[in-house]
Amino acid sequence: MGFYWIFGGNGLRVKALCVMVLWIGLPSLFCAPFRLCYTLFVARVLQQKEGECMPQVRFTNSWLQGVKPDPAKGVWYSEAGGKGLRLYVGTSGKKTWYINYRRPGDEKLSQHKIGDADLFSVSQARDAALKFLVAVAQKETPWVKPAAPAEKLTLEAFVRDFYVPWVIEHRRSGDATVALIRSAFSNLLSLPVDEITVEALEHWRSKKRQGKGTKASSLNRQVTALRAALNWGVKRGIIEANPMSRLEKLREEDSNTNVRYLSPEERERLYAALDAREERIKAGRDSHNEWLCDRERASLPDLKERALNNVPYGTHVKPSKTNTFIGGWQAG
C-alpha cells in the first residue's frame, strides 16, 4: 500500500515533500531499496512536470475510435516512443492531436496543435508530428502561423476604387466609359486582375460574337475601353501588367459601311459654304490688320493680295475638302 501511495494517484507534490522529510528525518532508513524508490519517485515527478505523466497507449485507428471521454475531466494520452505525439480527449468526446517539443535554445516544453482527430488518422498525425519535429531540428519555425495572403485586387475593385474617381474627373465621357466596362465585362468583374488572361478574354469575345451576334467594331470599342483603364493602372503601379496588351484587335469585316456620294444639290451647298467661310476669314484678316495699323503694329499678310498671286485660299480647309470629294483622297 505504501508503494502504491508513493507512485499512484494524485497529490504527487505533497508526496514528494513527505519523501524529502523522510529523507532528512530518518537517515537510518537510507538503505539501497529506499534510495531506489526515491529515485524512481523523483523521475515520476519530473515526468509530470514535462507533461509526460499521462496514460501511455499504442495509438491505432481502432483504439482511437473506441476511446471514451471522462465526463469529469479531459484526459491526455501519450504513446511510448511516440516522439511527443499526444492525444487530448475532452469531456465532450472531442479528440485533438498535439505535439510536445522544445524550441532551439529554450528548455521549456512547448505544445503545438496538429488538428482534429476526425480529420487526422493515426498515421497522418504521426507524419505531421514527424514533419514538425524535423522542421524544428532544422531551426525553422513551424509553430509560427504563416501570414494570411493579401486579398487579390479584382477587376470590380480596381474600377470602383481607383479608375472611376480619376476617369470621371479627367474625361468628359468618364461616366459612359465606366458604364461600358461594367456592362461589357460583367462576367469578369469578380476575377482578380492578375487572373484575367488572354485566353479568358478571347473566350469572352467569342461567346459574345457567337451567342449575341455582337459586331467586331463593338467588341473592339469595349476592349479599347478596358485596355485603356488597365494601362492607366499599370502606369500608376496599381497593377503589375495589362493582360489585354497581347489581345489582338478584330478585323471589322462584319460592320456595315455604306458608301454614299453627294448629290449635285448637296455639292453646290457644300461649295457655297466653303466660299462663304473663305470670305469670312479674309474679312476677319482685314479687320484685324486695321486694328494693328491703328496701334502702329506690323500687319499680317493680306489674304486678298495672296489670292491675286495665285494663292486663292485663306486656309487649307477648302482645297483639302475639294480634293477629298473630287479626287477621293484625304490629306494625312
C-alpha atoms as a PDB file:
ATOM      1  CA  MET A   1       0.000   0.000   0.000  1.00  0.00           C
ATOM      2  CA  GLY A   2       2.842   2.352   0.820  1.00  0.00           C
ATOM      3  CA  PHE A   3       4.400   1.649  -2.547  1.00  0.00           C
ATOM      4  CA  TYR A   4       1.079   2.421  -4.274  1.00  0.00           C
ATOM      5  CA  TRP A   5       0.728   5.611  -2.183  1.00  0.00           C
ATOM      6  CA  ILE A   6       4.078   6.845  -3.443  1.00  0.00           C
ATOM      7  CA  PHE A   7       3.709   6.052  -7.132  1.00  0.00           C
ATOM      8  CA  GLY A   8      -0.048   6.119  -7.821  1.00  0.00           C
ATOM      9  CA  GLY A   9      -2.913   8.550  -7.555  1.00  0.00           C
ATOM     10  CA  ASN A  10      -2.785  12.322  -7.281  1.00  0.00           C
ATOM     11  CA  GLY A  11      -1.017  14.792  -4.960  1.00  0.00           C
ATOM     12  CA  LEU A  12       2.481  13.952  -6.194  1.00  0.00           C
ATOM     13  CA  ARG A  13       3.952  17.212  -4.953  1.00  0.00           C
ATOM     14  CA  VAL A  14       2.704  16.545  -1.374  1.00  0.00           C
ATOM     15  CA  LYS A  15       4.078  13.045  -1.552  1.00  0.00           C
ATOM     16  CA  ALA A  16       7.408  14.354  -2.787  1.00  0.00           C
ATOM     17  CA  LEU A  17       7.542  16.657   0.237  1.00  0.00           C
ATOM     18  CA  CYS A  18       6.807  13.738   2.557  1.00  0.00           C
ATOM     19  CA  VAL A  19       9.616  11.727   0.963  1.00  0.00           C
ATOM     20  CA  MET A  20      12.001  14.642   1.483  1.00  0.00           C
ATOM     21  CA  VAL A  21      11.005  14.726   5.159  1.00  0.00           C
ATOM     22  CA  LEU A  22      11.667  11.017   5.427  1.00  0.00           C
ATOM     23  CA  TRP A  23      14.981  11.509   3.677  1.00  0.00           C
ATOM     24  CA  ILE A  24      16.050  14.220   6.099  1.00  0.00           C
ATOM     25  CA  GLY A  25      14.480  12.944   9.319  1.00  0.00           C
ATOM     26  CA  LEU A  26      15.026   9.227   9.072  1.00  0.00           C
ATOM     27  CA  PRO A  27      18.644   8.698   7.978  1.00  0.00           C
ATOM     28  CA  SER A  28      18.524   5.250   9.453  1.00  0.00           C
ATOM     29  CA  LEU A  29      16.177   4.243   6.625  1.00  0.00           C
ATOM     30  CA  PHE A  30      18.596   5.284   3.856  1.00  0.00           C
ATOM     31  CA  CYS A  31      19.065   1.813   2.633  1.00  0.00           C
ATOM     32  CA  ALA A  32      19.563   0.866  -1.009  1.00  0.00           C
ATOM     33  CA  PRO A  33      15.906  -0.138  -1.623  1.00  0.00           C
ATOM     34  CA  PHE A  34      14.674   3.154  -0.224  1.00  0.00           C
ATOM     35  CA  ARG A  35      17.108   5.152  -2.355  1.00  0.00           C
ATOM     36  CA  LEU A  36      15.835   3.278  -5.411  1.00  0.00           C
ATOM     37  CA  CYS A  37      12.219   4.076  -4.541  1.00  0.00           C
ATOM     38  CA  TYR A  38      13.136   7.727  -4.015  1.00  0.00           C
ATOM     39  CA  THR A  39      14.938   7.934  -7.373  1.00  0.00           C
ATOM     40  CA  LEU A  40      12.007   6.409  -9.252  1.00  0.00           C
ATOM     41  CA  PHE A  41       9.591   8.712  -7.474  1.00  0.00           C
ATOM     42  CA  VAL A  42      11.554  11.866  -8.399  1.00  0.00           C
ATOM     43  CA  ALA A  43      11.680  10.675 -12.005  1.00  0.00           C
ATOM     44  CA  ARG A  44       7.896  10.337 -11.894  1.00  0.00           C
ATOM     45  CA  VAL A  45       7.526  13.914 -10.624  1.00  0.00           C
ATOM     46  CA  LEU A  46       9.840  15.230 -13.347  1.00  0.00           C
ATOM     47  CA  GLN A  47       7.847  13.385 -15.988  1.00  0.00           C
ATOM     48  CA  GLN A  48       4.669  15.069 -14.772  1.00  0.00           C
ATOM     49  CA  LYS A  49       6.402  18.440 -14.964  1.00  0.00           C
ATOM     50  CA  GLU A  50       7.154  17.810 -18.625  1.00  0.00           C
ATOM     51  CA  GLY A  51       3.590  16.701 -19.349  1.00  0.00           C
ATOM     52  CA  GLU A  52       4.509  13.060 -19.738  1.00  0.00           C
ATOM     53  CA  CYS A  53       2.642  11.734 -16.697  1.00  0.00           C
ATOM     54  CA  MET A  54      -0.365  10.506 -18.611  1.00  0.00           C
ATOM     55  CA  PRO A  55      -1.763   7.174 -19.777  1.00  0.00           C
ATOM     56  CA  GLN A  56       0.504   5.575 -22.346  1.00  0.00           C
ATOM     57  CA  VAL A  57      -1.140   3.535 -25.057  1.00  0.00           C
ATOM     58  CA  ARG A  58      -0.409   2.264 -28.525  1.00  0.00           C
ATOM     59  CA  PHE A  59      -2.167   4.589 -30.951  1.00  0.00           C
ATOM     60  CA  THR A  60      -4.206   2.705 -33.528  1.00  0.00           C
ATOM     61  CA  ASN A  61      -7.227   3.704 -35.518  1.00  0.00           C
ATOM     62  CA  SER A  62      -9.387   1.113 -33.779  1.00  0.00           C
ATOM     63  CA  TRP A  63      -8.264   2.360 -30.336  1.00  0.00           C
ATOM     64  CA  LEU A  64      -8.893   5.939 -31.473  1.00  0.00           C
ATOM     65  CA  GLN A  65     -12.458   5.093 -32.446  1.00  0.00           C
ATOM     66  CA  GLY A  66     -13.124   3.255 -29.187  1.00  0.00           C
ATOM     67  CA  VAL A  67     -11.594   5.583 -26.603  1.00  0.00           C
ATOM     68  CA  LYS A  68     -14.281   7.099 -24.378  1.00  0.00           C
ATOM     69  CA  PRO A  69     -14.249  10.543 -22.724  1.00  0.00           C
ATOM     70  CA  ASP A  70     -14.131  11.110 -18.984  1.00  0.00           C
ATOM     71  CA  PRO A  71     -17.206  13.220 -18.051  1.00  0.00           C
ATOM     72  CA  ALA A  72     -15.333  14.721 -15.100  1.00  0.00           C
ATOM     73  CA  LYS A  73     -12.205  15.981 -16.877  1.00  0.00           C
ATOM     74  CA  GLY A  74     -10.268  15.913 -20.109  1.00  0.00           C
ATOM     75  CA  VAL A  75      -7.687  13.145 -20.480  1.00  0.00           C
ATOM     76  CA  TRP A  76      -4.285  13.251 -22.203  1.00  0.00           C
ATOM     77  CA  TYR A  77      -2.839  10.145 -23.860  1.00  0.00           C
ATOM     78  CA  SER A  78       0.712   9.558 -24.988  1.00  0.00           C
ATOM     79  CA  GLU A  79       2.463   6.784 -26.847  1.00  0.00           C
ATOM     80  CA  ALA A  80       5.684   5.124 -25.728  1.00  0.00           C
ATOM     81  CA  GLY A  81       8.293   6.120 -28.270  1.00  0.00           C
ATOM     82  CA  GLY A  82       5.788   8.449 -29.892  1.00  0.00           C
ATOM     83  CA  LYS A  83       8.292  11.320 -30.024  1.00  0.00           C
ATOM     84  CA  GLY A  84       5.987  13.820 -28.395  1.00  0.00           C
ATOM     85  CA  LEU A  85       2.699  12.895 -30.108  1.00  0.00           C
ATOM     86  CA  ARG A  86      -0.251  13.453 -27.741  1.00  0.00           C
ATOM     87  CA  LEU A  87      -3.998  12.976 -27.926  1.00  0.00           C
ATOM     88  CA  TYR A  88      -6.396  15.033 -25.836  1.00  0.00           C
ATOM     89  CA  VAL A  89      -9.914  13.685 -25.260  1.00  0.00           C
ATOM     90  CA  GLY A  90     -12.224  16.371 -23.908  1.00  0.00           C
ATOM     91  CA  THR A  91     -15.237  15.832 -21.703  1.00  0.00           C
ATOM     92  CA  SER A  92     -17.489  16.251 -24.740  1.00  0.00           C
ATOM     93  CA  GLY A  93     -15.641  13.491 -26.585  1.00  0.00           C
ATOM     94  CA  LYS A  94     -13.770  15.724 -28.987  1.00  0.00           C
ATOM     95  CA  LYS A  95     -10.310  14.329 -29.770  1.00  0.00           C
ATOM     96  CA  THR A  96      -7.401  16.526 -30.777  1.00  0.00           C
ATOM     97  CA  TRP A  97      -3.814  15.708 -31.739  1.00  0.00           C
ATOM     98  CA  TYR A  98      -0.913  17.692 -30.266  1.00  0.00           C
ATOM     99  CA  ILE A  99       2.862  17.542 -30.414  1.00  0.00           C
ATOM    100  CA  ASN A 100       5.175  18.367 -27.496  1.00  0.00           C
ATOM    101  CA  TYR A 101       8.551  19.845 -28.445  1.00  0.00           C
ATOM    102  CA  ARG A 102      11.324  22.172 -27.325  1.00  0.00           C
ATOM    103  CA  ARG A 103      12.325  25.197 -29.313  1.00  0.00           C
ATOM    104  CA  PRO A 104      16.038  25.682 -30.014  1.00  0.00           C
ATOM    105  CA  GLY A 105      17.701  27.392 -27.060  1.00  0.00           C
ATOM    106  CA  ASP A 106      14.625  27.010 -24.848  1.00  0.00           C
ATOM    107  CA  GLU A 107      14.391  24.286 -22.202  1.00  0.00           C
ATOM    108  CA  LYS A 108      10.681  24.944 -21.703  1.00  0.00           C
ATOM    109  CA  LEU A 109       8.387  22.314 -23.163  1.00  0.00           C
ATOM    110  CA  SER A 110       6.045  23.765 -25.792  1.00  0.00           C
ATOM    111  CA  GLN A 111       2.920  22.361 -27.358  1.00  0.00           C
ATOM    112  CA  HIS A 112       1.612  22.632 -30.902  1.00  0.00           C
ATOM    113  CA  LYS A 113      -1.843  21.663 -32.123  1.00  0.00           C
ATOM    114  CA  ILE A 114      -1.837  19.310 -35.099  1.00  0.00           C
ATOM    115  CA  GLY A 115      -5.563  19.088 -35.662  1.00  0.00           C
ATOM    116  CA  ASP A 116      -8.850  17.334 -35.012  1.00  0.00           C
ATOM    117  CA  ALA A 117      -8.641  13.547 -34.772  1.00  0.00           C
ATOM    118  CA  ASP A 118     -11.701  13.326 -37.011  1.00  0.00           C
ATOM    119  CA  LEU A 119      -9.564  14.838 -39.777  1.00  0.00           C
ATOM    120  CA  PHE A 120      -6.206  13.198 -38.980  1.00  0.00           C
ATOM    121  CA  SER A 121      -5.850   9.439 -38.741  1.00  0.00           C
ATOM    122  CA  VAL A 122      -3.150   7.960 -36.513  1.00  0.00           C
ATOM    123  CA  SER A 123      -0.661   7.631 -39.372  1.00  0.00           C
ATOM    124  CA  GLN A 124      -1.418  11.126 -40.624  1.00  0.00           C
ATOM    125  CA  ALA A 125      -0.926  12.541 -37.121  1.00  0.00           C
ATOM    126  CA  ARG A 126       2.407  10.724 -36.817  1.00  0.00           C
ATOM    127  CA  ASP A 127       3.535  12.065 -40.187  1.00  0.00           C
ATOM    128  CA  ALA A 128       2.504  15.603 -39.254  1.00  0.00           C
ATOM    129  CA  ALA A 129       4.318  15.320 -35.907  1.00  0.00           C
ATOM    130  CA  LEU A 130       7.478  13.992 -37.566  1.00  0.00           C
ATOM    131  CA  LYS A 131       7.411  16.724 -40.189  1.00  0.00           C
ATOM    132  CA  PHE A 132       7.002  19.324 -37.450  1.00  0.00           C
ATOM    133  CA  LEU A 133       9.915  17.949 -35.393  1.00  0.00           C
ATOM    134  CA  VAL A 134      12.166  17.794 -38.465  1.00  0.00           C
ATOM    135  CA  ALA A 135      11.437  21.446 -39.161  1.00  0.00           C
ATOM    136  CA  VAL A 136      12.261  22.333 -35.548  1.00  0.00           C
ATOM    137  CA  ALA A 137      15.534  20.389 -35.774  1.00  0.00           C
ATOM    138  CA  GLN A 138      16.429  22.346 -38.896  1.00  0.00           C
ATOM    139  CA  LYS A 139      15.968  25.567 -36.900  1.00  0.00           C
ATOM    140  CA  GLU A 140      12.817  26.534 -38.739  1.00  0.00           C
ATOM    141  CA  THR A 141       9.743  27.994 -37.028  1.00  0.00           C
ATOM    142  CA  PRO A 142       6.818  25.721 -37.954  1.00  0.00           C
ATOM    143  CA  TRP A 143       4.868  26.924 -34.914  1.00  0.00           C
ATOM    144  CA  VAL A 144       4.538  30.386 -36.457  1.00  0.00           C
ATOM    145  CA  LYS A 145       1.361  30.687 -38.465  1.00  0.00           C
ATOM    146  CA  PRO A 146       2.014  31.976 -41.987  1.00  0.00           C
ATOM    147  CA  ALA A 147       0.638  35.399 -42.706  1.00  0.00           C
ATOM    148  CA  ALA A 148      -2.691  35.385 -44.481  1.00  0.00           C
ATOM    149  CA  PRO A 149      -2.227  36.106 -48.178  1.00  0.00           C
ATOM    150  CA  ALA A 150      -3.183  39.588 -49.214  1.00  0.00           C
ATOM    151  CA  GLU A 151      -6.581  39.813 -50.824  1.00  0.00           C
ATOM    152  CA  LYS A 152      -6.212  39.966 -54.573  1.00  0.00           C
ATOM    153  CA  LEU A 153      -7.457  43.031 -56.409  1.00  0.00           C
ATOM    154  CA  THR A 154     -10.494  42.167 -58.509  1.00  0.00           C
ATOM    155  CA  LEU A 155     -11.444  43.967 -61.682  1.00  0.00           C
ATOM    156  CA  GLU A 156     -14.531  45.385 -59.956  1.00  0.00           C
ATOM    157  CA  ALA A 157     -12.453  46.739 -57.048  1.00  0.00           C
ATOM    158  CA  PHE A 158      -9.899  48.218 -59.441  1.00  0.00           C
ATOM    159  CA  VAL A 159     -12.564  50.007 -61.493  1.00  0.00           C
ATOM    160  CA  ARG A 160     -14.584  51.155 -58.470  1.00  0.00           C
ATOM    161  CA  ASP A 161     -11.803  52.233 -56.116  1.00  0.00           C
ATOM    162  CA  PHE A 162      -9.145  53.506 -58.498  1.00  0.00           C
ATOM    163  CA  TYR A 163     -10.274  54.114 -62.069  1.00  0.00           C
ATOM    164  CA  VAL A 164     -13.738  55.601 -61.559  1.00  0.00           C
ATOM    165  CA  PRO A 165     -12.654  58.635 -59.470  1.00  0.00           C
ATOM    166  CA  TRP A 166      -9.934  59.512 -61.960  1.00  0.00           C
ATOM    167  CA  VAL A 167     -11.767  58.953 -65.258  1.00  0.00           C
ATOM    168  CA  ILE A 168     -14.879  60.861 -64.164  1.00  0.00           C
ATOM    169  CA  GLU A 169     -12.781  63.842 -63.125  1.00  0.00           C
ATOM    170  CA  HIS A 170     -10.410  63.913 -66.101  1.00  0.00           C
ATOM    171  CA  ARG A 171     -12.517  62.624 -69.004  1.00  0.00           C
ATOM    172  CA  ARG A 172     -15.653  64.205 -70.345  1.00  0.00           C
ATOM    173  CA  SER A 173     -17.092  60.797 -71.246  1.00  0.00           C
ATOM    174  CA  GLY A 174     -15.961  59.176 -67.975  1.00  0.00           C
ATOM    175  CA  ASP A 175     -19.425  58.034 -66.880  1.00  0.00           C
ATOM    176  CA  ALA A 176     -20.094  56.439 -70.265  1.00  0.00           C
ATOM    177  CA  THR A 177     -16.709  54.688 -70.209  1.00  0.00           C
ATOM    178  CA  VAL A 178     -17.329  53.185 -66.767  1.00  0.00           C
ATOM    179  CA  ALA A 179     -20.823  52.068 -67.760  1.00  0.00           C
ATOM    180  CA  LEU A 180     -19.428  50.432 -70.915  1.00  0.00           C
ATOM    181  CA  ILE A 181     -16.770  48.490 -68.972  1.00  0.00           C
ATOM    182  CA  ARG A 182     -19.205  47.265 -66.324  1.00  0.00           C
ATOM    183  CA  SER A 183     -21.803  46.268 -68.883  1.00  0.00           C
ATOM    184  CA  ALA A 184     -19.476  44.571 -71.361  1.00  0.00           C
ATOM    185  CA  PHE A 185     -17.254  42.766 -68.844  1.00  0.00           C
ATOM    186  CA  SER A 186     -19.824  41.911 -66.159  1.00  0.00           C
ATOM    187  CA  ASN A 187     -18.722  38.252 -66.144  1.00  0.00           C
ATOM    188  CA  LEU A 188     -15.082  39.193 -65.498  1.00  0.00           C
ATOM    189  CA  LEU A 189     -15.581  41.790 -62.745  1.00  0.00           C
ATOM    190  CA  SER A 190     -15.276  39.238 -59.918  1.00  0.00           C
ATOM    191  CA  LEU A 191     -11.951  37.880 -61.180  1.00  0.00           C
ATOM    192  CA  PRO A 192      -8.623  39.146 -59.800  1.00  0.00           C
ATOM    193  CA  VAL A 193      -6.925  41.354 -62.360  1.00  0.00           C
ATOM    194  CA  ASP A 194      -3.830  39.134 -62.485  1.00  0.00           C
ATOM    195  CA  GLU A 195      -6.019  36.117 -63.335  1.00  0.00           C
ATOM    196  CA  ILE A 196      -7.591  37.722 -66.402  1.00  0.00           C
ATOM    197  CA  THR A 197      -5.715  36.017 -69.219  1.00  0.00           C
ATOM    198  CA  VAL A 198      -5.713  36.428 -72.986  1.00  0.00           C
ATOM    199  CA  GLU A 199      -7.464  33.059 -73.224  1.00  0.00           C
ATOM    200  CA  ALA A 200     -10.254  34.269 -70.930  1.00  0.00           C
ATOM    201  CA  LEU A 201     -10.682  37.436 -72.982  1.00  0.00           C
ATOM    202  CA  GLU A 202     -10.752  35.512 -76.252  1.00  0.00           C
ATOM    203  CA  HIS A 203     -13.370  33.170 -74.785  1.00  0.00           C
ATOM    204  CA  TRP A 204     -15.411  36.189 -73.652  1.00  0.00           C
ATOM    205  CA  ARG A 205     -15.152  37.740 -77.104  1.00  0.00           C
ATOM    206  CA  SER A 206     -16.009  34.512 -78.936  1.00  0.00           C
ATOM    207  CA  LYS A 207     -19.038  33.970 -76.715  1.00  0.00           C
ATOM    208  CA  LYS A 208     -20.296  37.475 -77.456  1.00  0.00           C
ATOM    209  CA  ARG A 209     -19.845  37.121 -81.187  1.00  0.00           C
ATOM    210  CA  GLN A 210     -21.418  33.704 -81.490  1.00  0.00           C
ATOM    211  CA  GLY A 211     -24.031  33.954 -78.751  1.00  0.00           C
ATOM    212  CA  LYS A 212     -25.239  37.537 -79.055  1.00  0.00           C
ATOM    213  CA  GLY A 213     -24.007  38.375 -82.535  1.00  0.00           C
ATOM    214  CA  THR A 214     -22.054  41.400 -81.317  1.00  0.00           C
ATOM    215  CA  LYS A 215     -20.198  43.093 -84.160  1.00  0.00           C
ATOM    216  CA  ALA A 216     -16.430  43.273 -84.282  1.00  0.00           C
ATOM    217  CA  SER A 217     -16.481  47.060 -84.133  1.00  0.00           C
ATOM    218  CA  SER A 218     -18.487  46.997 -80.888  1.00  0.00           C
ATOM    219  CA  LEU A 219     -16.177  44.419 -79.335  1.00  0.00           C
ATOM    220  CA  ASN A 220     -13.120  46.435 -80.357  1.00  0.00           C
ATOM    221  CA  ARG A 221     -14.618  49.509 -78.732  1.00  0.00           C
ATOM    222  CA  GLN A 222     -15.280  47.615 -75.493  1.00  0.00           C
ATOM    223  CA  VAL A 223     -11.788  46.122 -75.466  1.00  0.00           C
ATOM    224  CA  THR A 224     -10.272  49.550 -76.082  1.00  0.00           C
ATOM    225  CA  ALA A 225     -12.110  50.999 -73.080  1.00  0.00           C
ATOM    226  CA  LEU A 226     -10.894  48.273 -70.706  1.00  0.00           C
ATOM    227  CA  ARG A 227      -7.385  48.254 -72.184  1.00  0.00           C
ATOM    228  CA  ALA A 228      -7.089  51.999 -71.538  1.00  0.00           C
ATOM    229  CA  ALA A 229      -8.216  51.512 -67.914  1.00  0.00           C
ATOM    230  CA  LEU A 230      -5.703  48.729 -67.280  1.00  0.00           C
ATOM    231  CA  ASN A 231      -2.890  50.693 -68.953  1.00  0.00           C
ATOM    232  CA  TRP A 232      -3.727  53.538 -66.602  1.00  0.00           C
ATOM    233  CA  GLY A 233      -3.414  51.145 -63.646  1.00  0.00           C
ATOM    234  CA  VAL A 234      -0.029  49.834 -64.841  1.00  0.00           C
ATOM    235  CA  LYS A 235       1.411  53.340 -65.251  1.00  0.00           C
ATOM    236  CA  ARG A 236       0.438  54.188 -61.672  1.00  0.00           C
ATOM    237  CA  GLY A 237       1.742  50.938 -60.189  1.00  0.00           C
ATOM    238  CA  ILE A 238      -1.681  49.696 -59.092  1.00  0.00           C
ATOM    239  CA  ILE A 239      -1.390  46.501 -61.160  1.00  0.00           C
ATOM    240  CA  GLU A 240       1.729  44.819 -62.498  1.00  0.00           C
ATOM    241  CA  ALA A 241       0.741  44.083 -66.089  1.00  0.00           C
ATOM    242  CA  ASN A 242      -2.060  44.570 -68.559  1.00  0.00           C
ATOM    243  CA  PRO A 243      -3.288  41.177 -69.808  1.00  0.00           C
ATOM    244  CA  MET A 244      -5.027  42.869 -72.746  1.00  0.00           C
ATOM    245  CA  SER A 245      -1.778  44.150 -74.226  1.00  0.00           C
ATOM    246  CA  ARG A 246      -1.411  40.852 -76.136  1.00  0.00           C
ATOM    247  CA  LEU A 247      -5.039  40.695 -77.265  1.00  0.00           C
ATOM    248  CA  GLU A 248      -5.245  41.322 -80.991  1.00  0.00           C
ATOM    249  CA  LYS A 249      -7.862  43.604 -82.480  1.00  0.00           C
ATOM    250  CA  LEU A 250     -10.651  42.026 -84.521  1.00  0.00           C
ATOM    251  CA  ARG A 251     -10.983  42.772 -88.208  1.00  0.00           C
ATOM    252  CA  GLU A 252     -14.176  44.706 -88.665  1.00  0.00           C
ATOM    253  CA  GLU A 253     -15.409  42.867 -91.750  1.00  0.00           C
ATOM    254  CA  ASP A 254     -18.921  42.435 -90.422  1.00  0.00           C
ATOM    255  CA  SER A 255     -19.539  46.152 -90.000  1.00  0.00           C
ATOM    256  CA  ASN A 256     -21.912  47.874 -92.416  1.00  0.00           C
ATOM    257  CA  THR A 257     -20.012  50.513 -94.387  1.00  0.00           C
ATOM    258  CA  ASN A 258     -22.379  52.337 -96.715  1.00  0.00           C
ATOM    259  CA  VAL A 259     -20.591  54.460 -99.314  1.00  0.00           C
ATOM    260  CA  ARG A 260     -22.709  57.375-100.488  1.00  0.00           C
ATOM    261  CA  TYR A 261     -21.861  60.235-102.838  1.00  0.00           C
ATOM    262  CA  LEU A 262     -23.093  63.787-102.641  1.00  0.00           C
ATOM    263  CA  SER A 263     -25.903  64.767-104.928  1.00  0.00           C
ATOM    264  CA  PRO A 264     -25.393  67.800-107.224  1.00  0.00           C
ATOM    265  CA  GLU A 265     -27.517  69.954-104.906  1.00  0.00           C
ATOM    266  CA  GLU A 266     -25.526  68.843-101.822  1.00  0.00           C
ATOM    267  CA  ARG A 267     -22.279  69.562-103.613  1.00  0.00           C
ATOM    268  CA  GLU A 268     -23.383  73.085-104.525  1.00  0.00           C
ATOM    269  CA  ARG A 269     -24.368  73.778-100.921  1.00  0.00           C
ATOM    270  CA  LEU A 270     -21.016  72.466 -99.725  1.00  0.00           C
ATOM    271  CA  TYR A 271     -19.049  74.682-102.105  1.00  0.00           C
ATOM    272  CA  ALA A 272     -21.183  77.688-101.230  1.00  0.00           C
ATOM    273  CA  ALA A 273     -20.487  77.101 -97.524  1.00  0.00           C
ATOM    274  CA  LEU A 274     -16.758  76.799 -98.200  1.00  0.00           C
ATOM    275  CA  ASP A 275     -16.744  80.023-100.247  1.00  0.00           C
ATOM    276  CA  ALA A 276     -18.641  81.874 -97.540  1.00  0.00           C
ATOM    277  CA  ARG A 277     -16.126  80.620 -94.978  1.00  0.00           C
ATOM    278  CA  GLU A 278     -13.260  81.900 -97.120  1.00  0.00           C
ATOM    279  CA  GLU A 279     -14.834  85.329 -97.365  1.00  0.00           C
ATOM    280  CA  ARG A 280     -15.382  85.500 -93.598  1.00  0.00           C
ATOM    281  CA  ILE A 281     -11.748  84.606 -92.990  1.00  0.00           C
ATOM    282  CA  LYS A 282     -10.496  87.273 -95.432  1.00  0.00           C
ATOM    283  CA  ALA A 283     -12.796  89.911 -93.953  1.00  0.00           C
ATOM    284  CA  GLY A 284     -11.605  88.987 -90.500  1.00  0.00           C
ATOM    285  CA  ARG A 285      -7.992  89.379 -91.599  1.00  0.00           C
ATOM    286  CA  ASP A 286      -8.728  92.844 -92.999  1.00  0.00           C
ATOM    287  CA  SER A 287     -10.413  93.911 -89.775  1.00  0.00           C
ATOM    288  CA  HIS A 288      -7.520  92.632 -87.697  1.00  0.00           C
ATOM    289  CA  ASN A 289      -4.954  94.424 -89.863  1.00  0.00           C
ATOM    290  CA  GLU A 290      -6.849  97.696 -89.389  1.00  0.00           C
ATOM    291  CA  TRP A 291      -6.700  97.143 -85.639  1.00  0.00           C
ATOM    292  CA  LEU A 292      -2.956  96.566 -85.859  1.00  0.00           C
ATOM    293  CA  CYS A 293      -2.434  99.619 -88.060  1.00  0.00           C
ATOM    294  CA  ASP A 294      -4.268 101.882 -85.606  1.00  0.00           C
ATOM    295  CA  ARG A 295      -1.778 100.776 -82.971  1.00  0.00           C
ATOM    296  CA  GLU A 296       1.206 101.112 -85.290  1.00  0.00           C
ATOM    297  CA  ARG A 297       1.930  97.410 -85.300  1.00  0.00           C
ATOM    298  CA  ALA A 298       3.071  95.230 -88.196  1.00  0.00           C
ATOM    299  CA  SER A 299       0.192  93.908 -90.293  1.00  0.00           C
ATOM    300  CA  LEU A 300      -0.359  90.278 -91.243  1.00  0.00           C
ATOM    301  CA  PRO A 301      -0.276  89.191 -94.921  1.00  0.00           C
ATOM    302  CA  ASP A 302      -3.337  90.355 -96.869  1.00  0.00           C
ATOM    303  CA  LEU A 303      -5.323  87.322 -97.927  1.00  0.00           C
ATOM    304  CA  LYS A 304      -6.904  89.145-100.858  1.00  0.00           C
ATOM    305  CA  GLU A 305      -3.455  90.027-102.251  1.00  0.00           C
ATOM    306  CA  ARG A 306      -2.473  86.387-101.875  1.00  0.00           C
ATOM    307  CA  ALA A 307      -5.472  85.489-103.998  1.00  0.00           C
ATOM    308  CA  LEU A 308      -4.169  87.784-106.753  1.00  0.00           C
ATOM    309  CA  ASN A 309      -0.784  85.998-106.555  1.00  0.00           C
ATOM    310  CA  ASN A 310      -2.238  82.537-107.298  1.00  0.00           C
ATOM    311  CA  VAL A 311      -2.835  81.742-103.588  1.00  0.00           C
ATOM    312  CA  PRO A 312      -6.624  81.857-103.664  1.00  0.00           C
ATOM    313  CA  TYR A 313      -7.384  80.158-100.343  1.00  0.00           C
ATOM    314  CA  GLY A 314      -7.268  81.667 -96.914  1.00  0.00           C
ATOM    315  CA  THR A 315      -6.782  78.288 -95.144  1.00  0.00           C
ATOM    316  CA  HIS A 316      -6.294  74.663 -96.098  1.00  0.00           C
ATOM    317  CA  VAL A 317      -9.907  73.642 -95.452  1.00  0.00           C
ATOM    318  CA  LYS A 318     -11.428  74.415 -98.865  1.00  0.00           C
ATOM    319  CA  PRO A 319      -8.690  72.847-101.017  1.00  0.00           C
ATOM    320  CA  SER A 320      -8.483  69.711 -98.839  1.00  0.00           C
ATOM    321  CA  LYS A 321     -12.247  69.163 -98.919  1.00  0.00           C
ATOM    322  CA  THR A 322     -12.335  69.811-102.649  1.00  0.00           C
ATOM    323  CA  ASN A 323      -9.654  67.205-103.256  1.00  0.00           C
ATOM    324  CA  THR A 324     -11.469  64.747-100.999  1.00  0.00           C
ATOM    325  CA  PHE A 325     -14.750  64.922-102.875  1.00  0.00           C
ATOM    326  CA  ILE A 326     -13.285  65.217-106.338  1.00  0.00           C
ATOM    327  CA  GLY A 327     -10.100  63.174-106.162  1.00  0.00           C
ATOM    328  CA  GLY A 328     -11.180  60.718-103.475  1.00  0.00           C
ATOM    329  CA  TRP A 329      -8.174  61.137-101.187  1.00  0.00           C
ATOM    330  CA  GLN A 330      -7.555  62.805 -97.857  1.00  0.00           C
ATOM    331  CA  ALA A 331      -4.543  64.655 -96.595  1.00  0.00           C
ATOM    332  CA  GLY A 332      -2.571  62.626 -93.994  1.00  0.00           C
END
